[in-house]
């Protein structure tokens, strides 16, 4: 399976690290498109925010972080975002009304031109810092645990050549950062998590399971994944 057709043209010339995450990354590792995708998730690092904004000149951008309400339609002007943060994006020429609707319909069917969502992550030197984000208020807290993962391990090239979050790290993100008000979203996230477990060797599974236990409270959906 190739990466979404418009990813490489959109990111060409951006000379900072970027990599697929979310459902497209899962299907990239599986080698087939296994479900519909409402958007294209791309991760970047916190210190590359301004470079990303400059790269996306002319795009319609709506950012969400700790200082912006969940339903905001205010355009991002390139200011630093307080993590956890993400940016909904449409390339030049997109219908502004469609961009506004991303706020309330981010998982909807956007046809052959899926929107982008840029996820902003924190790093320290050569390590990616993974935070728990399952807190009741829907955001990371100062006392949340942190897991360091060497970036060289966490990001690897897909067969297509596009870089993506490594399967074991993606599994951690899927089972800790994608929790809803009920504690764990069903449907596509469980589908993706189950697929990722099946791709891992024994050491990778043990690593992922131990990290998930550090970052999030126990949940039957996680226990039911095909760990053995």
Protein backbone atom coordinates (compact mmCIF):
# COMPACT_ATOMS: atom_id res chain seq x y z
CA UNK A 1 0.00 0.00 0.00
CA UNK A 2 1.26 3.44 -0.87
CA UNK A 3 0.94 6.52 1.32
CA UNK A 4 -2.03 8.83 0.66
CA UNK A 5 -1.51 10.28 -2.80
CA UNK A 6 -1.23 13.91 -1.67
CA UNK A 7 1.17 13.50 1.26
CA UNK A 8 4.49 13.63 -0.59
CA UNK A 9 3.60 16.68 -2.73
CA UNK A 10 2.25 18.50 0.33
CA UNK A 11 5.37 17.89 2.41
CA UNK A 12 7.99 18.23 -0.33
CA UNK A 13 10.55 20.84 0.73
CA UNK A 14 9.78 20.60 4.46
CA UNK A 15 13.25 19.82 5.78
CA UNK A 16 12.28 18.93 9.35
CA UNK A 17 11.23 15.48 10.58
CA UNK A 18 7.66 14.50 9.70
CA UNK A 19 6.05 11.10 9.72
CA UNK A 20 2.68 9.42 9.28
CA UNK A 21 0.74 8.41 12.35
CA UNK A 22 -2.85 7.32 12.93
CA UNK A 23 -4.78 5.00 10.65
CA UNK A 24 -2.76 5.59 7.50
CA UNK A 25 0.39 4.55 9.34
CA UNK A 26 -1.33 1.39 10.58
CA UNK A 27 -2.39 0.46 7.06
CA UNK A 28 1.06 1.36 5.78
CA UNK A 29 2.62 -1.23 8.06
CA UNK A 30 -0.07 -3.76 7.15
CA UNK A 31 0.51 -3.20 3.44
CA UNK A 32 -3.16 -2.69 2.60
CA UNK A 33 -5.97 -0.20 3.09
CA UNK A 34 -8.21 -1.88 5.67
CA UNK A 35 -10.69 0.87 6.52
CA UNK A 36 -11.82 4.35 5.54
CA UNK A 37 -9.79 7.29 6.82
CA UNK A 38 -11.36 10.64 7.63
CA UNK A 39 -8.05 12.51 7.51
CA UNK A 40 -4.31 12.13 7.14
CA UNK A 41 -2.41 12.31 10.43
CA UNK A 42 1.14 13.65 10.25
CA UNK A 43 3.35 14.12 13.29
CA UNK A 44 5.93 16.87 13.71
CA UNK A 45 7.99 18.00 16.68
CA UNK A 46 7.28 20.99 18.91
CA UNK A 47 10.37 22.96 17.95
CA UNK A 48 9.44 22.70 14.26
CA UNK A 49 6.06 24.44 14.60
CA UNK A 50 7.15 27.69 12.99
CA UNK A 51 8.89 25.88 10.15
CA UNK A 52 5.66 23.96 9.54
CA UNK A 53 3.62 27.17 9.52
CA UNK A 54 6.00 28.76 7.02
CA UNK A 55 5.90 25.63 4.87
CA UNK A 56 2.09 25.70 4.79
CA UNK A 57 1.83 29.29 3.60
CA UNK A 58 -1.59 29.80 2.03
CA UNK A 59 -3.17 26.81 3.75
CA UNK A 60 -6.27 27.05 5.92
CA UNK A 61 -5.06 26.13 9.43
CA UNK A 62 -7.01 25.70 12.67
CA UNK A 63 -5.03 24.82 15.79
CA UNK A 64 -6.19 23.24 19.02
CA UNK A 65 -4.21 23.21 22.24
CA UNK A 66 -4.66 23.78 25.98
CA UNK A 67 -5.44 27.47 25.42
CA UNK A 68 -8.06 27.07 22.65
CA UNK A 69 -11.54 25.64 22.98
CA UNK A 70 -12.36 22.41 21.22
CA UNK A 71 -14.82 24.08 18.87
CA UNK A 72 -12.61 26.99 17.83
CA UNK A 73 -12.49 27.99 14.17
CA UNK A 74 -9.82 30.64 14.75
CA UNK A 75 -7.03 30.44 12.18
CA UNK A 76 -3.57 29.52 13.40
CA UNK A 77 -1.12 32.40 12.90
CA UNK A 78 2.03 30.40 13.62
CA UNK A 79 2.31 31.16 17.34
CA UNK A 80 3.71 28.46 19.59
CA UNK A 81 1.12 25.93 20.71
CA UNK A 82 0.86 24.50 24.22
CA UNK A 83 1.07 20.74 24.05
CA UNK A 84 -0.86 18.54 23.56
CA UNK A 85 -1.76 20.24 20.30
CA UNK A 86 -2.90 19.46 16.79
CA UNK A 87 -3.62 21.47 13.66
CA UNK A 88 -6.42 20.83 11.15
CA UNK A 89 -5.28 21.84 7.68
CA UNK A 90 -6.54 22.22 4.13
CA UNK A 91 -4.30 23.15 1.18
CA UNK A 92 -4.73 26.37 -0.80
CA UNK A 93 -7.99 26.55 -2.69
CA UNK A 94 -9.98 24.59 -0.13
CA UNK A 95 -13.45 25.79 0.78
CA UNK A 96 -13.06 27.78 4.05
CA UNK A 97 -16.42 26.45 5.21
CA UNK A 98 -15.11 22.94 4.80
CA UNK A 99 -12.17 23.81 7.03
CA UNK A 100 -14.54 25.10 9.72
CA UNK A 101 -16.47 21.84 9.56
CA UNK A 102 -13.31 19.92 10.39
CA UNK A 103 -13.76 21.07 13.97
CA UNK A 104 -17.02 19.16 14.37
CA UNK A 105 -16.59 16.50 11.67
CA UNK A 106 -12.93 15.56 11.77
CA UNK A 107 -13.75 11.89 11.36
CA UNK A 108 -16.27 12.34 8.58
CA UNK A 109 -16.09 11.29 4.96
CA UNK A 110 -14.17 13.94 3.01
CA UNK A 111 -14.13 12.09 -0.28
CA UNK A 112 -11.01 11.96 -2.43
CA UNK A 113 -9.44 15.03 -0.79
CA UNK A 114 -9.02 14.12 2.88
CA UNK A 115 -7.86 16.91 5.18
CA UNK A 116 -4.58 16.85 7.05
CA UNK A 117 -4.18 16.83 10.81
CA UNK A 118 -0.74 17.69 12.14
CA UNK A 119 0.03 16.30 15.59
CA UNK A 120 2.63 18.25 17.56
CA UNK A 121 4.95 16.14 19.71
CA UNK A 122 7.69 16.84 22.22
CA UNK A 123 11.27 15.67 22.00
CA UNK A 124 14.39 16.04 24.11
CA UNK A 125 17.57 15.65 22.10
CA UNK A 126 17.36 12.31 20.32
CA UNK A 127 14.35 11.10 22.33
CA UNK A 128 10.63 11.39 21.64
CA UNK A 129 8.76 12.05 24.89
CA UNK A 130 5.47 10.15 25.13
CA UNK A 131 2.95 11.59 27.61
CA UNK A 132 -0.27 10.14 28.89
CA UNK A 133 -3.24 12.13 27.55
CA UNK A 134 -6.14 10.21 29.05
CA UNK A 135 -6.76 12.67 31.92
CA UNK A 136 -10.39 13.52 32.60
CA UNK A 137 -9.93 17.07 31.36
CA UNK A 138 -8.75 15.65 28.04
CA UNK A 139 -5.19 16.93 28.20
CA UNK A 140 -1.81 16.01 29.57
CA UNK A 141 -0.95 17.10 33.10
CA UNK A 142 2.35 18.16 34.61
CA UNK A 143 2.41 15.00 36.76
CA UNK A 144 1.68 12.60 33.89
CA UNK A 145 4.33 9.94 33.37
CA UNK A 146 6.76 10.40 30.51
CA UNK A 147 8.32 7.65 28.43
CA UNK A 148 11.46 8.33 26.41
CA UNK A 149 11.76 6.55 23.08
CA UNK A 150 14.81 7.03 20.85
CA UNK A 151 13.62 8.77 17.70
CA UNK A 152 15.67 6.32 15.65
CA UNK A 153 13.48 3.53 17.04
CA UNK A 154 10.18 5.41 17.03
CA UNK A 155 10.21 6.50 13.37
CA UNK A 156 10.94 4.14 10.50
CA UNK A 157 10.39 4.15 6.73
CA UNK A 158 7.46 2.29 5.23
CA UNK A 159 8.09 0.18 2.13
CA UNK A 160 6.91 3.22 0.14
CA UNK A 161 9.78 5.26 1.62
CA UNK A 162 7.50 7.59 3.60
CA UNK A 163 8.41 7.59 7.30
CA UNK A 164 5.84 6.53 9.87
CA UNK A 165 5.59 5.88 13.59
CA UNK A 166 6.98 2.41 14.31
CA UNK A 167 4.25 -0.19 14.98
CA UNK A 168 5.02 -0.72 18.68
CA UNK A 169 5.08 3.04 19.36
CA UNK A 170 1.94 3.55 17.29
CA UNK A 171 0.23 0.88 19.39
CA UNK A 172 1.12 2.82 22.54
CA UNK A 173 -0.30 6.01 21.07
CA UNK A 174 -3.47 4.31 19.85
CA UNK A 175 -4.23 2.82 23.27
CA UNK A 176 -3.31 5.83 25.42
CA UNK A 177 -3.90 9.02 23.44
CA UNK A 178 -7.12 8.04 21.67
CA UNK A 179 -9.38 7.63 24.70
CA UNK A 180 -12.79 9.28 24.83
CA UNK A 181 -15.01 10.31 27.73
CA UNK A 182 -15.94 6.68 28.32
CA UNK A 183 -12.28 5.73 28.78
CA UNK A 184 -11.57 4.00 25.50
CA UNK A 185 -13.00 4.47 22.00
CA UNK A 186 -14.39 1.44 20.24
CA UNK A 187 -14.45 0.81 16.53
CA UNK A 188 -11.52 1.97 14.45
CA UNK A 189 -9.08 2.42 17.33
CA UNK A 190 -9.61 -1.12 18.65
CA UNK A 191 -9.40 -2.37 15.05
CA UNK A 192 -6.09 -0.57 14.56
CA UNK A 193 -4.68 -1.68 17.91
CA UNK A 194 -5.50 -5.32 17.20
CA UNK A 195 -3.82 -5.10 13.82
CA UNK A 196 -0.70 -3.54 15.31
CA UNK A 197 -0.29 -6.20 18.01
CA UNK A 198 -0.28 -8.86 15.30
CA UNK A 199 2.67 -7.14 13.58
CA UNK A 200 4.95 -7.15 16.63
CA UNK A 201 7.45 -9.71 17.80
CA UNK A 202 7.50 -10.87 21.41
CA UNK A 203 9.94 -8.25 22.68
CA UNK A 204 8.02 -5.44 20.96
CA UNK A 205 4.74 -6.64 22.45
CA UNK A 206 6.21 -6.80 25.94
CA UNK A 207 7.67 -3.32 25.56
CA UNK A 208 4.40 -1.86 24.29
CA UNK A 209 2.32 -3.52 26.99
CA UNK A 210 4.59 -2.25 29.78
CA UNK A 211 4.55 1.31 28.40
CA UNK A 212 0.75 1.28 28.03
CA UNK A 213 0.47 0.22 31.67
CA UNK A 214 2.59 3.21 32.69
CA UNK A 215 0.69 5.77 30.63
CA UNK A 216 -2.94 4.78 31.04
CA UNK A 217 -5.26 3.03 33.51
CA UNK A 218 -6.23 -0.60 32.83
CA UNK A 219 -9.05 -1.17 30.39
CA UNK A 220 -10.76 -4.39 29.20
CA UNK A 221 -10.32 -3.40 25.55
CA UNK A 222 -6.54 -3.27 26.01
CA UNK A 223 -6.46 -6.54 27.96
CA UNK A 224 -8.48 -8.20 25.19
CA UNK A 225 -5.96 -7.40 22.45
CA UNK A 226 -4.26 -10.48 20.96
CA UNK A 227 -1.11 -10.24 23.06
CA UNK A 228 -0.28 -13.96 22.94
